[in-house]
PDB file of N, CA and C in Angstrom:
ATOM      1  N   MET A   1     157.953  82.845 -38.859  1.00  0.00           N
ATOM      2  CA  MET A   1     158.263  84.096 -38.191  1.00  0.00           C
ATOM      3  C   MET A   1     159.438  84.736 -38.905  1.00  0.00           C
ATOM      4  N   ASP A   2     159.374  86.083 -39.016  1.00  0.00           N
ATOM      5  CA  ASP A   2     160.495  86.829 -39.554  1.00  0.00           C
ATOM      6  C   ASP A   2     160.684  88.103 -38.733  1.00  0.00           C
ATOM      7  N   ILE A   3     161.472  89.013 -39.243  1.00  0.00           N
ATOM      8  CA  ILE A   3     161.783  90.241 -38.510  1.00  0.00           C
ATOM      9  C   ILE A   3     160.542  91.066 -38.191  1.00  0.00           C
ATOM     10  N   ASN A   4     159.484  90.931 -39.007  1.00  0.00           N
ATOM     11  CA  ASN A   4     158.272  91.719 -38.825  1.00  0.00           C
ATOM     12  C   ASN A   4     157.260  91.080 -37.880  1.00  0.00           C
ATOM     13  N   GLY A   5     157.424  89.807 -37.557  1.00  0.00           N
ATOM     14  CA  GLY A   5     156.482  89.162 -36.645  1.00  0.00           C
ATOM     15  C   GLY A   5     156.115  87.760 -37.098  1.00  0.00           C
ATOM     16  N   ILE A   6     154.966  87.313 -36.634  1.00  0.00           N
ATOM     17  CA  ILE A   6     154.503  85.939 -36.883  1.00  0.00           C
ATOM     18  C   ILE A   6     153.255  86.003 -37.766  1.00  0.00           C
ATOM     19  N   GLN A   7     153.238  85.194 -38.805  1.00  0.00           N
ATOM     20  CA  GLN A   7     152.076  85.142 -39.698  1.00  0.00           C
ATOM     21  C   GLN A   7     151.050  84.145 -39.150  1.00  0.00           C
ATOM     22  N   VAL A   8     149.814  84.302 -39.579  1.00  0.00           N
ATOM     23  CA  VAL A   8     148.730  83.417 -39.187  1.00  0.00           C
ATOM     24  C   VAL A   8     148.934  82.059 -39.871  1.00  0.00           C
ATOM     25  N   ASP A   9     148.487  80.997 -39.211  1.00  0.00           N
ATOM     26  CA  ASP A   9     148.535  79.642 -39.768  1.00  0.00           C
ATOM     27  C   ASP A   9     147.848  79.616 -41.133  1.00  0.00           C
ATOM     28  N   SER A  10     148.543  79.107 -42.142  1.00  0.00           N
ATOM     29  CA  SER A  10     148.008  79.101 -43.511  1.00  0.00           C
ATOM     30  C   SER A  10     146.706  78.312 -43.633  1.00  0.00           C
ATOM     31  N   ALA A  11     146.533  77.267 -42.843  1.00  0.00           N
ATOM     32  CA  ALA A  11     145.288  76.485 -42.889  1.00  0.00           C
ATOM     33  C   ALA A  11     144.108  77.338 -42.409  1.00  0.00           C
ATOM     34  N   LYS A  12     144.343  78.168 -41.420  1.00  0.00           N
ATOM     35  CA  LYS A  12     143.269  79.052 -40.911  1.00  0.00           C
ATOM     36  C   LYS A  12     142.952  80.144 -41.929  1.00  0.00           C
ATOM     37  N   ILE A  13     143.993  80.616 -42.615  1.00  0.00           N
ATOM     38  CA  ILE A  13     143.770  81.626 -43.668  1.00  0.00           C
ATOM     39  C   ILE A  13     142.900  81.035 -44.757  1.00  0.00           C
ATOM     40  N   GLU A  14     143.194  79.815 -45.185  1.00  0.00           N
ATOM     41  CA  GLU A  14     142.399  79.155 -46.229  1.00  0.00           C
ATOM     42  C   GLU A  14     140.957  78.951 -45.770  1.00  0.00           C
ATOM     43  N   SER A  15     140.772  78.620 -44.503  1.00  0.00           N
ATOM     44  CA  SER A  15     139.431  78.437 -43.969  1.00  0.00           C
ATOM     45  C   SER A  15     138.610  79.717 -44.070  1.00  0.00           C
ATOM     46  N   VAL A  16     139.225  80.832 -43.731  1.00  0.00           N
ATOM     47  CA  VAL A  16     138.528  82.119 -43.833  1.00  0.00           C
ATOM     48  C   VAL A  16     138.269  82.476 -45.288  1.00  0.00           C
ATOM     49  N   LYS A  17     139.253  82.263 -46.140  1.00  0.00           N
ATOM     50  CA  LYS A  17     139.079  82.572 -47.578  1.00  0.00           C
ATOM     51  C   LYS A  17     137.939  81.769 -48.198  1.00  0.00           C
ATOM     52  N   LYS A  18     137.740  80.542 -47.732  1.00  0.00           N
ATOM     53  CA  LYS A  18     136.701  79.672 -48.271  1.00  0.00           C
ATOM     54  C   LYS A  18     135.337  79.854 -47.597  1.00  0.00           C
ATOM     55  N   TRP A  19     135.260  80.759 -46.616  1.00  0.00           N
ATOM     56  CA  TRP A  19     134.006  80.985 -45.893  1.00  0.00           C
ATOM     57  C   TRP A  19     132.930  81.316 -46.908  1.00  0.00           C
ATOM     58  N   GLU A  20     131.867  80.541 -46.891  1.00  0.00           N
ATOM     59  CA  GLU A  20     130.787  80.727 -47.859  1.00  0.00           C
ATOM     60  C   GLU A  20     129.927  81.928 -47.523  1.00  0.00           C
ATOM     61  N   THR A  21     129.295  82.465 -48.536  1.00  0.00           N
ATOM     62  CA  THR A  21     128.414  83.610 -48.376  1.00  0.00           C
ATOM     63  C   THR A  21     127.298  83.273 -47.375  1.00  0.00           C
ATOM     64  N   PRO A  22     127.109  84.128 -46.371  1.00  0.00           N
ATOM     65  CA  PRO A  22     126.029  83.871 -45.388  1.00  0.00           C
ATOM     66  C   PRO A  22     124.662  83.852 -46.075  1.00  0.00           C
ATOM     67  N   LYS A  23     123.857  82.870 -45.704  1.00  0.00           N
ATOM     68  CA  LYS A  23     122.531  82.722 -46.307  1.00  0.00           C
ATOM     69  C   LYS A  23     121.402  83.055 -45.350  1.00  0.00           C
ATOM     70  N   SER A  24     121.767  83.406 -44.114  1.00  0.00           N
ATOM     71  CA  SER A  24     120.723  83.701 -43.115  1.00  0.00           C
ATOM     72  C   SER A  24     121.250  84.717 -42.102  1.00  0.00           C
ATOM     73  N   LEU A  25     120.332  85.218 -41.303  1.00  0.00           N
ATOM     74  CA  LEU A  25     120.675  86.160 -40.260  1.00  0.00           C
ATOM     75  C   LEU A  25     121.647  85.525 -39.254  1.00  0.00           C
ATOM     76  N   THR A  26     121.421  84.247 -38.928  1.00  0.00           N
ATOM     77  CA  THR A  26     122.289  83.524 -37.989  1.00  0.00           C
ATOM     78  C   THR A  26     123.715  83.456 -38.539  1.00  0.00           C
ATOM     79  N   GLN A  27     123.848  83.160 -39.814  1.00  0.00           N
ATOM     80  CA  GLN A  27     125.174  83.062 -40.413  1.00  0.00           C
ATOM     81  C   GLN A  27     125.878  84.421 -40.469  1.00  0.00           C
ATOM     82  N   ILE A  28     125.124  85.480 -40.695  1.00  0.00           N
ATOM     83  CA  ILE A  28     125.713  86.843 -40.664  1.00  0.00           C
ATOM     84  C   ILE A  28     126.226  87.138 -39.263  1.00  0.00           C
ATOM     85  N   ARG A  29     125.437  86.805 -38.257  1.00  0.00           N
ATOM     86  CA  ARG A  29     125.854  87.055 -36.866  1.00  0.00           C
ATOM     87  C   ARG A  29     127.086  86.230 -36.510  1.00  0.00           C
ATOM     88  N   GLN A  30     127.177  84.994 -36.984  1.00  0.00           N
ATOM     89  CA  GLN A  30     128.365  84.184 -36.733  1.00  0.00           C
ATOM     90  C   GLN A  30     129.601  84.811 -37.368  1.00  0.00           C
ATOM     91  N   PHE A  31     129.457  85.251 -38.598  1.00  0.00           N
ATOM     92  CA  PHE A  31     130.566  85.887 -39.313  1.00  0.00           C
ATOM     93  C   PHE A  31     131.005  87.153 -38.580  1.00  0.00           C
ATOM     94  N   LEU A  32     130.053  88.028 -38.264  1.00  0.00           N
ATOM     95  CA  LEU A  32     130.384  89.275 -37.587  1.00  0.00           C
ATOM     96  C   LEU A  32     130.945  89.020 -36.190  1.00  0.00           C
ATOM     97  N   GLY A  33     130.491  87.963 -35.520  1.00  0.00           N
ATOM     98  CA  GLY A  33     131.025  87.627 -34.201  1.00  0.00           C
ATOM     99  C   GLY A  33     132.480  87.267 -34.257  1.00  0.00           C
ATOM    100  N   LEU A  34     132.849  86.413 -35.203  1.00  0.00           N
ATOM    101  CA  LEU A  34     134.255  86.032 -35.338  1.00  0.00           C
ATOM    102  C   LEU A  34     135.105  87.220 -35.762  1.00  0.00           C
ATOM    103  N   PHE A  35     134.661  87.924 -36.783  1.00  0.00           N
ATOM    104  CA  PHE A  35     135.442  89.034 -37.287  1.00  0.00           C
ATOM    105  C   PHE A  35     135.471  90.203 -36.299  1.00  0.00           C
ATOM    106  N   GLY A  36     134.409  90.347 -35.524  1.00  0.00           N
ATOM    107  CA  GLY A  36     134.374  91.388 -34.502  1.00  0.00           C
ATOM    108  C   GLY A  36     135.460  91.178 -33.448  1.00  0.00           C
ATOM    109  N   TYR A  37     135.770  89.918 -33.177  1.00  0.00           N
ATOM    110  CA  TYR A  37     136.845  89.621 -32.223  1.00  0.00           C
ATOM    111  C   TYR A  37     138.177  90.164 -32.701  1.00  0.00           C
ATOM    112  N   TYR A  38     138.380  90.169 -34.033  1.00  0.00           N
ATOM    113  CA  TYR A  38     139.633  90.633 -34.624  1.00  0.00           C
ATOM    114  C   TYR A  38     139.546  92.062 -35.156  1.00  0.00           C
ATOM    115  N   ARG A  39     138.489  92.777 -34.818  1.00  0.00           N
ATOM    116  CA  ARG A  39     138.247  94.118 -35.374  1.00  0.00           C
ATOM    117  C   ARG A  39     139.388  95.080 -35.163  1.00  0.00           C
ATOM    118  N   ARG A  40     140.110  94.959 -34.078  1.00  0.00           N
ATOM    119  CA  ARG A  40     141.198  95.909 -33.835  1.00  0.00           C
ATOM    120  C   ARG A  40     142.361  95.743 -34.802  1.00  0.00           C
ATOM    121  N   PHE A  41     142.386  94.646 -35.528  1.00  0.00           N
ATOM    122  CA  PHE A  41     143.435  94.401 -36.517  1.00  0.00           C
ATOM    123  C   PHE A  41     143.018  94.806 -37.920  1.00  0.00           C
ATOM    124  N   ILE A  42     141.763  95.188 -38.088  1.00  0.00           N
ATOM    125  CA  ILE A  42     141.258  95.545 -39.421  1.00  0.00           C
ATOM    126  C   ILE A  42     140.909  97.029 -39.396  1.00  0.00           C
ATOM    127  N   GLU A  43     141.742  97.811 -40.055  1.00  0.00           N
ATOM    128  CA  GLU A  43     141.517  99.251 -40.095  1.00  0.00           C
ATOM    129  C   GLU A  43     140.187  99.548 -40.794  1.00  0.00           C
ATOM    130  N   GLY A  44     139.386 100.386 -40.159  1.00  0.00           N
ATOM    131  CA  GLY A  44     138.094 100.763 -40.723  1.00  0.00           C
ATOM    132  C   GLY A  44     137.046  99.665 -40.632  1.00  0.00           C
ATOM    133  N   PHE A  45     137.206  98.754 -39.675  1.00  0.00           N
ATOM    134  CA  PHE A  45     136.305  97.610 -39.556  1.00  0.00           C
ATOM    135  C   PHE A  45     134.827  98.033 -39.535  1.00  0.00           C
ATOM    136  N   SER A  46     134.487  98.982 -38.688  1.00  0.00           N
ATOM    137  CA  SER A  46     133.069  99.370 -38.534  1.00  0.00           C
ATOM    138  C   SER A  46     132.486  99.889 -39.845  1.00  0.00           C
ATOM    139  N   THR A  47     133.257 100.689 -40.554  1.00  0.00           N
ATOM    140  CA  THR A  47     132.779 101.231 -41.825  1.00  0.00           C
ATOM    141  C   THR A  47     132.589 100.121 -42.852  1.00  0.00           C
ATOM    142  N   ILE A  48     133.558  99.212 -42.937  1.00  0.00           N
ATOM    143  CA  ILE A  48     133.480  98.112 -43.900  1.00  0.00           C
ATOM    144  C   ILE A  48     132.313  97.198 -43.560  1.00  0.00           C
ATOM    145  N   ALA A  49     132.120  96.900 -42.278  1.00  0.00           N
ATOM    146  CA  ALA A  49     131.095  95.941 -41.836  1.00  0.00           C
ATOM    147  C   ALA A  49     129.682  96.541 -41.796  1.00  0.00           C
ATOM    148  N   ARG A  50     129.555  97.843 -41.945  1.00  0.00           N
ATOM    149  CA  ARG A  50     128.235  98.494 -41.822  1.00  0.00           C
ATOM    150  C   ARG A  50     127.136  97.851 -42.662  1.00  0.00           C
ATOM    151  N   PRO A  51     127.368  97.539 -43.936  1.00  0.00           N
ATOM    152  CA  PRO A  51     126.285  96.888 -44.714  1.00  0.00           C
ATOM    153  C   PRO A  51     125.872  95.548 -44.116  1.00  0.00           C
ATOM    154  N   LEU A  52     126.825  94.782 -43.604  1.00  0.00           N
ATOM    155  CA  LEU A  52     126.505  93.491 -43.007  1.00  0.00           C
ATOM    156  C   LEU A  52     125.774  93.671 -41.695  1.00  0.00           C
ATOM    157  N   THR A  53     126.233  94.626 -40.894  1.00  0.00           N
ATOM    158  CA  THR A  53     125.590  94.889 -39.607  1.00  0.00           C
ATOM    159  C   THR A  53     124.137  95.346 -39.809  1.00  0.00           C
ATOM    160  N   SER A  54     123.903  96.101 -40.893  1.00  0.00           N
ATOM    161  CA  SER A  54     122.540  96.590 -41.126  1.00  0.00           C
ATOM    162  C   SER A  54     121.558  95.438 -41.345  1.00  0.00           C
ATOM    163  N   LEU A  55     122.044  94.304 -41.808  1.00  0.00           N
ATOM    164  CA  LEU A  55     121.168  93.134 -42.003  1.00  0.00           C
ATOM    165  C   LEU A  55     120.687  92.546 -40.677  1.00  0.00           C
ATOM    166  N   THR A  56     121.389  92.862 -39.578  1.00  0.00           N
ATOM    167  CA  THR A  56     121.022  92.292 -38.276  1.00  0.00           C
ATOM    168  C   THR A  56     120.009  93.151 -37.520  1.00  0.00           C
ATOM    169  N   HIS A  57     119.646  94.322 -38.075  1.00  0.00           N
ATOM    170  CA  HIS A  57     118.695  95.181 -37.400  1.00  0.00           C
ATOM    171  C   HIS A  57     117.302  94.566 -37.383  1.00  0.00           C
ATOM    172  N   GLU A  58     116.646  94.726 -36.261  1.00  0.00           N
ATOM    173  CA  GLU A  58     115.315  94.152 -36.089  1.00  0.00           C
ATOM    174  C   GLU A  58     114.340  94.672 -37.141  1.00  0.00           C
ATOM    175  N   GLY A  59     113.599  93.776 -37.722  1.00  0.00           N
ATOM    176  CA  GLY A  59     112.614  94.135 -38.737  1.00  0.00           C
ATOM    177  C   GLY A  59     113.185  94.328 -40.129  1.00  0.00           C
ATOM    178  N   LYS A  60     114.499  94.175 -40.263  1.00  0.00           N
ATOM    179  CA  LYS A  60     115.162  94.326 -41.560  1.00  0.00           C
ATOM    180  C   LYS A  60     115.043  93.024 -42.339  1.00  0.00           C
ATOM    181  N   LYS A  61     114.585  93.108 -43.571  1.00  0.00           N
ATOM    182  CA  LYS A  61     114.468  91.919 -44.439  1.00  0.00           C
ATOM    183  C   LYS A  61     115.873  91.506 -44.868  1.00  0.00           C
ATOM    184  N   TYR A  62     116.145  90.183 -44.816  1.00  0.00           N
ATOM    185  CA  TYR A  62     117.450  89.676 -45.243  1.00  0.00           C
ATOM    186  C   TYR A  62     117.474  89.660 -46.759  1.00  0.00           C
ATOM    187  N   GLU A  63     118.242  90.587 -47.334  1.00  0.00           N
ATOM    188  CA  GLU A  63     118.382  90.680 -48.770  1.00  0.00           C
ATOM    189  C   GLU A  63     119.844  90.933 -49.091  1.00  0.00           C
ATOM    190  N   TRP A  64     120.517  89.944 -49.691  1.00  0.00           N
ATOM    191  CA  TRP A  64     121.959  90.009 -49.982  1.00  0.00           C
ATOM    192  C   TRP A  64     122.159  90.752 -51.305  1.00  0.00           C
ATOM    193  N   THR A  65     122.890  91.874 -51.245  1.00  0.00           N
ATOM    194  CA  THR A  65     123.135  92.686 -52.434  1.00  0.00           C
ATOM    195  C   THR A  65     124.639  92.771 -52.723  1.00  0.00           C
ATOM    196  N   GLU A  66     124.967  93.482 -53.759  1.00  0.00           N
ATOM    197  CA  GLU A  66     126.381  93.658 -54.142  1.00  0.00           C
ATOM    198  C   GLU A  66     127.172  94.366 -53.052  1.00  0.00           C
ATOM    199  N   LYS A  67     126.552  95.327 -52.344  1.00  0.00           N
ATOM    200  CA  LYS A  67     127.287  96.018 -51.275  1.00  0.00           C
ATOM    201  C   LYS A  67     127.589  95.078 -50.106  1.00  0.00           C
ATOM    202  N   HIS A  68     126.709  94.136 -49.839  1.00  0.00           N
ATOM    203  CA  HIS A  68     126.951  93.140 -48.797  1.00  0.00           C
ATOM    204  C   HIS A  68     128.072  92.199 -49.222  1.00  0.00           C
ATOM    205  N   LYS A  69     128.024  91.750 -50.466  1.00  0.00           N
ATOM    206  CA  LYS A  69     129.057  90.877 -51.005  1.00  0.00           C
ATOM    207  C   LYS A  69     130.414  91.556 -50.937  1.00  0.00           C
ATOM    208  N   SER A  70     130.486  92.818 -51.332  1.00  0.00           N
ATOM    209  CA  SER A  70     131.753  93.562 -51.312  1.00  0.00           C
ATOM    210  C   SER A  70     132.313  93.676 -49.910  1.00  0.00           C
ATOM    211  N   ALA A  71     131.455  93.988 -48.941  1.00  0.00           N
ATOM    212  CA  ALA A  71     131.896  94.114 -47.540  1.00  0.00           C
ATOM    213  C   ALA A  71     132.388  92.768 -47.014  1.00  0.00           C
ATOM    214  N   PHE A  72     131.655  91.719 -47.312  1.00  0.00           N
ATOM    215  CA  PHE A  72     132.015  90.374 -46.891  1.00  0.00           C
ATOM    216  C   PHE A  72     133.391  89.976 -47.434  1.00  0.00           C
ATOM    217  N   GLN A  73     133.598  90.188 -48.730  1.00  0.00           N
ATOM    218  CA  GLN A  73     134.859  89.808 -49.368  1.00  0.00           C
ATOM    219  C   GLN A  73     136.022  90.673 -48.861  1.00  0.00           C
ATOM    220  N   LEU A  74     135.777  91.968 -48.651  1.00  0.00           N
ATOM    221  CA  LEU A  74     136.835  92.855 -48.185  1.00  0.00           C
ATOM    222  C   LEU A  74     137.273  92.511 -46.760  1.00  0.00           C
ATOM    223  N   LEU A  75     136.307  92.183 -45.899  1.00  0.00           N
ATOM    224  CA  LEU A  75     136.671  91.780 -44.541  1.00  0.00           C
ATOM    225  C   LEU A  75     137.501  90.499 -44.533  1.00  0.00           C
ATOM    226  N   LYS A  76     137.110  89.532 -45.350  1.00  0.00           N
ATOM    227  CA  LYS A  76     137.884  88.297 -45.444  1.00  0.00           C
ATOM    228  C   LYS A  76     139.298  88.572 -45.948  1.00  0.00           C
ATOM    229  N   GLN A  77     139.414  89.420 -46.965  1.00  0.00           N
ATOM    230  CA  GLN A  77     140.707  89.750 -47.536  1.00  0.00           C
ATOM    231  C   GLN A  77     141.591  90.461 -46.502  1.00  0.00           C
ATOM    232  N   LYS A  78     141.029  91.415 -45.787  1.00  0.00           N
ATOM    233  CA  LYS A  78     141.818  92.170 -44.799  1.00  0.00           C
ATOM    234  C   LYS A  78     142.289  91.286 -43.646  1.00  0.00           C
ATOM    235  N   LEU A  79     141.451  90.379 -43.193  1.00  0.00           N
ATOM    236  CA  LEU A  79     141.856  89.511 -42.082  1.00  0.00           C
ATOM    237  C   LEU A  79     142.919  88.501 -42.526  1.00  0.00           C
ATOM    238  N   THR A  80     142.837  88.023 -43.737  1.00  0.00           N
ATOM    239  CA  THR A  80     143.771  86.984 -44.180  1.00  0.00           C
ATOM    240  C   THR A  80     145.098  87.533 -44.674  1.00  0.00           C
ATOM    241  N   THR A  81     145.210  88.835 -44.843  1.00  0.00           N
ATOM    242  CA  THR A  81     146.465  89.417 -45.315  1.00  0.00           C
ATOM    243  C   THR A  81     147.164  90.233 -44.246  1.00  0.00           C
ATOM    244  N   ALA A  82     146.525  90.431 -43.114  1.00  0.00           N
ATOM    245  CA  ALA A  82     147.106  91.267 -42.061  1.00  0.00           C
ATOM    246  C   ALA A  82     148.233  90.541 -41.327  1.00  0.00           C
ATOM    247  N   LEU A  83     149.298  91.273 -41.028  1.00  0.00           N
ATOM    248  CA  LEU A  83     150.332  90.767 -40.145  1.00  0.00           C
ATOM    249  C   LEU A  83     149.833  91.052 -38.734  1.00  0.00           C
ATOM    250  N   ILE A  84     149.475  90.015 -38.003  1.00  0.00           N
ATOM    251  CA  ILE A  84     148.803  90.200 -36.729  1.00  0.00           C
ATOM    252  C   ILE A  84     149.745  90.165 -35.545  1.00  0.00           C
ATOM    253  N   PHE A  85     150.674  89.237 -35.527  1.00  0.00           N
ATOM    254  CA  PHE A  85     151.515  89.060 -34.338  1.00  0.00           C
ATOM    255  C   PHE A  85     152.856  89.762 -34.477  1.00  0.00           C
ATOM    256  N   SER A  86     153.406  90.152 -33.358  1.00  0.00           N
ATOM    257  CA  SER A  86     154.696  90.811 -33.323  1.00  0.00           C
ATOM    258  C   SER A  86     155.457  90.327 -32.096  1.00  0.00           C
ATOM    259  N   LEU A  87     156.751  90.503 -32.100  1.00  0.00           N
ATOM    260  CA  LEU A  87     157.566  90.177 -30.930  1.00  0.00           C
ATOM    261  C   LEU A  87     157.656  91.405 -30.033  1.00  0.00           C
ATOM    262  N   PRO A  88     157.676  91.223 -28.706  1.00  0.00           N
ATOM    263  CA  PRO A  88     157.744  92.376 -27.809  1.00  0.00           C
ATOM    264  C   PRO A  88     159.066  93.127 -27.947  1.00  0.00           C
ATOM    265  N   GLU A  89     158.990  94.452 -27.788  1.00  0.00           N
ATOM    266  CA  GLU A  89     160.180  95.278 -27.817  1.00  0.00           C
ATOM    267  C   GLU A  89     160.187  96.104 -26.539  1.00  0.00           C
ATOM    268  N   GLY A  90     161.243  95.965 -25.749  1.00  0.00           N
ATOM    269  CA  GLY A  90     161.331  96.732 -24.510  1.00  0.00           C
ATOM    270  C   GLY A  90     160.291  96.280 -23.508  1.00  0.00           C
ATOM    271  N   ASN A  91     159.975  97.166 -22.572  1.00  0.00           N
ATOM    272  CA  ASN A  91     159.008  96.814 -21.521  1.00  0.00           C
ATOM    273  C   ASN A  91     157.987  97.925 -21.292  1.00  0.00           C
ATOM    274  N   GLU A  92     157.644  98.651 -22.338  1.00  0.00           N
ATOM    275  CA  GLU A  92     156.660  99.716 -22.178  1.00  0.00           C
ATOM    276  C   GLU A  92     155.604  99.667 -23.271  1.00  0.00           C
ATOM    277  N   ASP A  93     154.556 100.429 -23.070  1.00  0.00           N
ATOM    278  CA  ASP A  93     153.456 100.569 -24.028  1.00  0.00           C
ATOM    279  C   ASP A  93     152.708  99.280 -24.304  1.00  0.00           C
ATOM    280  N   PHE A  94     152.528  98.417 -23.298  1.00  0.00           N
ATOM    281  CA  PHE A  94     151.736  97.218 -23.439  1.00  0.00           C
ATOM    282  C   PHE A  94     150.287  97.513 -23.057  1.00  0.00           C
ATOM    283  N   VAL A  95     149.364  96.885 -23.751  1.00  0.00           N
ATOM    284  CA  VAL A  95     147.935  97.017 -23.480  1.00  0.00           C
ATOM    285  C   VAL A  95     147.343  95.621 -23.426  1.00  0.00           C
ATOM    286  N   ILE A  96     146.462  95.367 -22.461  1.00  0.00           N
ATOM    287  CA  ILE A  96     145.767  94.077 -22.379  1.00  0.00           C
ATOM    288  C   ILE A  96     144.279  94.328 -22.664  1.00  0.00           C
ATOM    289  N   TYR A  97     143.744  93.605 -23.661  1.00  0.00           N
ATOM    290  CA  TYR A  97     142.325  93.649 -23.987  1.00  0.00           C
ATOM    291  C   TYR A  97     141.706  92.375 -23.464  1.00  0.00           C
ATOM    292  N   CYS A  98     140.576  92.495 -22.748  1.00  0.00           N
ATOM    293  CA  CYS A  98     139.901  91.316 -22.187  1.00  0.00           C
ATOM    294  C   CYS A  98     138.466  91.245 -22.700  1.00  0.00           C
ATOM    295  N   ASP A  99     137.965  90.019 -22.801  1.00  0.00           N
ATOM    296  CA  ASP A  99     136.580  89.777 -23.185  1.00  0.00           C
ATOM    297  C   ASP A  99     136.078  88.627 -22.322  1.00  0.00           C
ATOM    298  N   VAL A 100     134.989  88.864 -21.608  1.00  0.00           N
ATOM    299  CA  VAL A 100     134.468  87.881 -20.678  1.00  0.00           C
ATOM    300  C   VAL A 100     132.996  87.597 -21.006  1.00  0.00           C
ATOM    301  N   SER A 101     132.625  86.338 -21.028  1.00  0.00           N
ATOM    302  CA  SER A 101     131.226  85.962 -21.158  1.00  0.00           C
ATOM    303  C   SER A 101     130.927  84.891 -20.120  1.00  0.00           C
ATOM    304  N   GLN A 102     129.721  84.374 -20.102  1.00  0.00           N
ATOM    305  CA  GLN A 102     129.367  83.348 -19.132  1.00  0.00           C
ATOM    306  C   GLN A 102     130.071  82.041 -19.427  1.00  0.00           C
ATOM    307  N   GLN A 103     130.502  81.828 -20.693  1.00  0.00           N
ATOM    308  CA  GLN A 103     131.153  80.581 -21.063  1.00  0.00           C
ATOM    309  C   GLN A 103     132.669  80.641 -21.089  1.00  0.00           C
ATOM    310  N   SER A 104     133.238  81.831 -21.297  1.00  0.00           N
ATOM    311  CA  SER A 104     134.691  81.868 -21.472  1.00  0.00           C
ATOM    312  C   SER A 104     135.283  83.231 -21.101  1.00  0.00           C
ATOM    313  N   PHE A 105     136.603  83.254 -21.075  1.00  0.00           N
ATOM    314  CA  PHE A 105     137.363  84.446 -20.801  1.00  0.00           C
ATOM    315  C   PHE A 105     138.535  84.460 -21.768  1.00  0.00           C
ATOM    316  N   GLY A 106     138.797  85.596 -22.374  1.00  0.00           N
ATOM    317  CA  GLY A 106     139.941  85.690 -23.276  1.00  0.00           C
ATOM    318  C   GLY A 106     140.620  87.021 -23.108  1.00  0.00           C
ATOM    319  N   CYS A 107     141.909  87.047 -23.371  1.00  0.00           N
ATOM    320  CA  CYS A 107     142.625  88.314 -23.328  1.00  0.00           C
ATOM    321  C   CYS A 107     143.727  88.312 -24.365  1.00  0.00           C
ATOM    322  N   VAL A 108     144.105  89.513 -24.777  1.00  0.00           N
ATOM    323  CA  VAL A 108     145.115  89.685 -25.788  1.00  0.00           C
ATOM    324  C   VAL A 108     146.118  90.725 -25.283  1.00  0.00           C
ATOM    325  N   LEU A 109     147.400  90.385 -25.336  1.00  0.00           N
ATOM    326  CA  LEU A 109     148.451  91.317 -24.983  1.00  0.00           C
ATOM    327  C   LEU A 109     148.916  92.001 -26.264  1.00  0.00           C
ATOM    328  N   MET A 110     148.946  93.339 -26.250  1.00  0.00           N
ATOM    329  CA  MET A 110     149.331  94.086 -27.438  1.00  0.00           C
ATOM    330  C   MET A 110     150.391  95.109 -27.091  1.00  0.00           C
ATOM    331  N   GLN A 111     151.215  95.422 -28.102  1.00  0.00           N
ATOM    332  CA  GLN A 111     152.177  96.497 -27.984  1.00  0.00           C
ATOM    333  C   GLN A 111     152.200  97.216 -29.345  1.00  0.00           C
ATOM    334  N   TRP A 112     151.972  98.513 -29.319  1.00  0.00           N
ATOM    335  CA  TRP A 112     151.941  99.324 -30.540  1.00  0.00           C
ATOM    336  C   TRP A 112     150.985  98.755 -31.586  1.00  0.00           C
ATOM    337  N   LYS A 113     149.777  98.395 -31.141  1.00  0.00           N
ATOM    338  CA  LYS A 113     148.688  97.906 -31.987  1.00  0.00           C
ATOM    339  C   LYS A 113     148.990  96.578 -32.668  1.00  0.00           C
ATOM    340  N   LYS A 114     149.917  95.804 -32.130  1.00  0.00           N
ATOM    341  CA  LYS A 114     150.194  94.461 -32.629  1.00  0.00           C
ATOM    342  C   LYS A 114     150.110  93.465 -31.492  1.00  0.00           C
ATOM    343  N   VAL A 115     149.570  92.277 -31.782  1.00  0.00           N
ATOM    344  CA  VAL A 115     149.427  91.236 -30.769  1.00  0.00           C
ATOM    345  C   VAL A 115     150.776  90.615 -30.440  1.00  0.00           C
ATOM    346  N   ILE A 116     151.018  90.419 -29.154  1.00  0.00           N
ATOM    347  CA  ILE A 116     152.207  89.736 -28.692  1.00  0.00           C
ATOM    348  C   ILE A 116     151.794  88.335 -28.285  1.00  0.00           C
ATOM    349  N   PRO A 117     152.309  87.281 -28.964  1.00  0.00           N
ATOM    350  CA  PRO A 117     151.921  85.913 -28.597  1.00  0.00           C
ATOM    351  C   PRO A 117     152.391  85.583 -27.181  1.00  0.00           C
ATOM    352  N   MET A 118     151.498  84.889 -26.467  1.00  0.00           N
ATOM    353  CA  MET A 118     151.845  84.471 -25.103  1.00  0.00           C
ATOM    354  C   MET A 118     151.974  82.958 -25.074  1.00  0.00           C
ATOM    355  N   ASP A 119     152.890  82.456 -24.300  1.00  0.00           N
ATOM    356  CA  ASP A 119     153.123  81.012 -24.171  1.00  0.00           C
ATOM    357  C   ASP A 119     151.903  80.389 -23.513  1.00  0.00           C
ATOM    358  N   GLN A 120     151.238  79.466 -24.193  1.00  0.00           N
ATOM    359  CA  GLN A 120     150.026  78.834 -23.689  1.00  0.00           C
ATOM    360  C   GLN A 120     150.311  77.778 -22.627  1.00  0.00           C
ATOM    361  N   ASP A 121     151.572  77.377 -22.454  1.00  0.00           N
ATOM    362  CA  ASP A 121     151.894  76.305 -21.487  1.00  0.00           C
ATOM    363  C   ASP A 121     152.046  76.833 -20.066  1.00  0.00           C
ATOM    364  N   ASN A 122     152.168  78.134 -19.888  1.00  0.00           N
ATOM    365  CA  ASN A 122     152.366  78.691 -18.549  1.00  0.00           C
ATOM    366  C   ASN A 122     151.104  79.217 -17.937  1.00  0.00           C
TER     367      ASN A 122
END
C-alpha cells in the first residue's frame, strides 16, 4: 500500500497474465465472466471485449482470429496494471455495487470510481 492505494496481490496478477488462450466457447464465457466482474475498473471494457463477446452469439462459429487475440491480451494487460483499491476519504460520494445469484452474494464499496477495501473479519 502507498499514498495512491492498495495494489493487487502479485500472485493473482501472474495468474491472470498466464491465462491461456481460450480454446472453446465455455472458456470464453469463463474469461468474460471473471473480467465482467471487474469491468468497472477497465475503461472501455465493452468496446475492448466486443470481439470476444461476439464469439458467444448463438450460431456463431468459434474461430479465433488476431482481433480476438488482441482483445484478450489487452483485457489481461488492463486488469493486471490497474490500481484498483483506494483508501476512503471523508464520508461522502460512496457507492455500493451488488451482485446476487442463487449461489452467492457480493458487493463492492466504491468512492470516486475506486474500490474501498472492507475488513472481512467484521
